[in-house]
Amino acid sequence: MIRRSSLLLLLLLATWLPAAAQDSRGSISGRAVDQSGSSVTGVQVRATNTGTGASVDAETNDSGNYTLPFLLPGIYNVTAELTGFQKLERKGVEVRVNDSVTVD
């Protein structure tokens, strides 16, 4: 009887641990480039949840890459701004559970 209950406990732990590691949030990432295709550093990127109005900001790195992690599922408007460049906006970006969306 002890062996059967130990086995049951191990099976329960084995199924619970992977579920505990899952996250219900997603992310948006991408790369900013100019018209020649060169990466652009220092671009201010903002994702705003259209349902809640909450926003998350990031800045592109030396390679022009950015990441907006830990976003709750929803619809986002993404803007990118840098002095001397036209402001860009992408509306209606859907982030789902465990989603990784690319917006260049």
Protein backbone atom coordinates (compact mmCIF):
# COMPACT_ATOMS: atom_id res chain seq x y z
CA MET A 1 0.00 0.00 0.00
CA ILE A 2 2.85 2.38 0.82
CA ARG A 3 4.44 1.78 -2.55
CA ARG A 4 1.22 2.46 -4.42
CA SER A 5 0.67 5.78 -2.57
CA SER A 6 4.28 6.79 -3.19
CA LEU A 7 3.88 6.08 -6.88
CA LEU A 8 0.67 8.10 -6.96
CA LEU A 9 2.41 11.02 -5.25
CA LEU A 10 5.28 10.90 -7.76
CA LEU A 11 2.84 10.87 -10.67
CA LEU A 12 0.96 13.85 -9.25
CA LEU A 13 4.21 15.79 -8.79
CA ALA A 14 5.36 14.92 -12.31
CA THR A 15 2.18 16.35 -13.81
CA TRP A 16 2.06 19.40 -11.55
CA LEU A 17 5.64 20.66 -12.01
CA PRO A 18 5.44 21.37 -15.78
CA ALA A 19 2.09 23.11 -15.29
CA ALA A 20 3.53 25.31 -12.54
CA ALA A 21 6.31 26.47 -14.86
CA GLN A 22 3.91 27.70 -17.57
CA ASP A 23 3.16 31.39 -17.79
CA SER A 24 -0.10 32.91 -18.97
CA ARG A 25 1.62 35.99 -20.39
CA GLY A 26 3.11 36.68 -23.82
CA SER A 27 5.62 39.04 -25.37
CA ILE A 28 6.18 41.35 -28.31
CA SER A 29 9.63 41.72 -29.82
CA GLY A 30 11.16 42.98 -33.02
CA ARG A 31 13.87 44.97 -34.75
CA ALA A 32 13.99 48.60 -35.83
CA VAL A 33 15.75 49.36 -39.11
CA ASP A 34 16.00 52.42 -41.32
CA GLN A 35 15.21 52.56 -45.05
CA SER A 36 18.64 51.18 -45.93
CA GLY A 37 18.11 48.17 -43.63
CA SER A 38 20.60 49.32 -40.97
CA SER A 39 19.62 48.75 -37.35
CA VAL A 40 18.49 51.78 -35.37
CA THR A 41 19.53 52.16 -31.73
CA GLY A 42 17.54 54.04 -29.09
CA VAL A 43 14.07 53.75 -30.60
CA GLN A 44 11.38 54.10 -27.91
CA VAL A 45 8.87 51.28 -28.33
CA ARG A 46 5.58 51.20 -26.42
CA ALA A 47 2.82 48.58 -26.35
CA THR A 48 -0.53 49.76 -24.99
CA ASN A 49 -3.25 47.28 -24.09
CA THR A 50 -6.42 48.60 -25.76
CA GLY A 51 -8.67 46.99 -23.15
CA THR A 52 -6.93 48.23 -20.00
CA GLY A 53 -4.88 51.21 -21.19
CA ALA A 54 -1.79 49.74 -19.47
CA SER A 55 1.44 50.27 -21.38
CA VAL A 56 4.93 48.77 -21.38
CA ASP A 57 8.02 50.52 -22.77
CA ALA A 58 11.32 49.32 -24.19
CA GLU A 59 14.24 50.77 -26.09
CA THR A 60 16.06 49.17 -29.00
CA ASN A 61 19.61 47.99 -28.30
CA ASP A 62 22.76 48.34 -30.42
CA SER A 63 21.41 45.73 -32.84
CA GLY A 64 18.04 47.49 -33.13
CA ASN A 65 16.26 44.75 -31.18
CA TYR A 66 13.67 45.20 -28.44
CA THR A 67 11.50 42.95 -26.27
CA LEU A 68 8.33 43.73 -24.34
CA PRO A 69 7.96 40.71 -22.04
CA PHE A 70 5.29 39.60 -19.56
CA LEU A 71 2.29 41.04 -21.43
CA LEU A 72 -1.17 39.93 -20.40
CA PRO A 73 -3.20 38.42 -23.23
CA GLY A 74 -5.07 41.08 -25.18
CA ILE A 75 -4.98 43.49 -28.09
CA TYR A 76 -2.12 46.02 -28.18
CA ASN A 77 -1.22 49.11 -30.14
CA VAL A 78 2.55 49.27 -30.67
CA THR A 79 4.34 52.57 -31.38
CA ALA A 80 7.99 53.28 -32.21
CA GLU A 81 9.50 56.76 -31.96
CA LEU A 82 12.91 58.35 -32.41
CA THR A 83 13.76 61.99 -33.04
CA GLY A 84 14.44 62.53 -36.73
CA PHE A 85 12.30 59.57 -37.81
CA GLN A 86 8.61 59.28 -38.56
CA LYS A 87 6.56 57.78 -35.71
CA LEU A 88 5.29 54.33 -36.59
CA GLU A 89 2.21 52.65 -35.13
CA ARG A 90 0.88 49.14 -35.51
CA LYS A 91 -2.68 48.74 -34.20
CA GLY A 92 -4.51 45.58 -33.20
CA VAL A 93 -1.56 43.33 -32.32
CA GLU A 94 -3.02 40.29 -30.58
CA VAL A 95 -1.01 38.66 -27.79
CA ARG A 96 -2.26 35.29 -26.59
CA VAL A 97 -1.20 33.04 -23.71
CA ASN A 98 2.48 32.04 -24.13
CA ASP A 99 2.58 33.96 -27.43
CA SER A 100 5.72 35.57 -28.81
CA VAL A 101 4.66 38.11 -31.43
CA THR A 102 7.14 39.81 -33.77
CA VAL A 103 6.53 43.44 -34.72
CA ASP A 104 9.40 44.89 -36.75
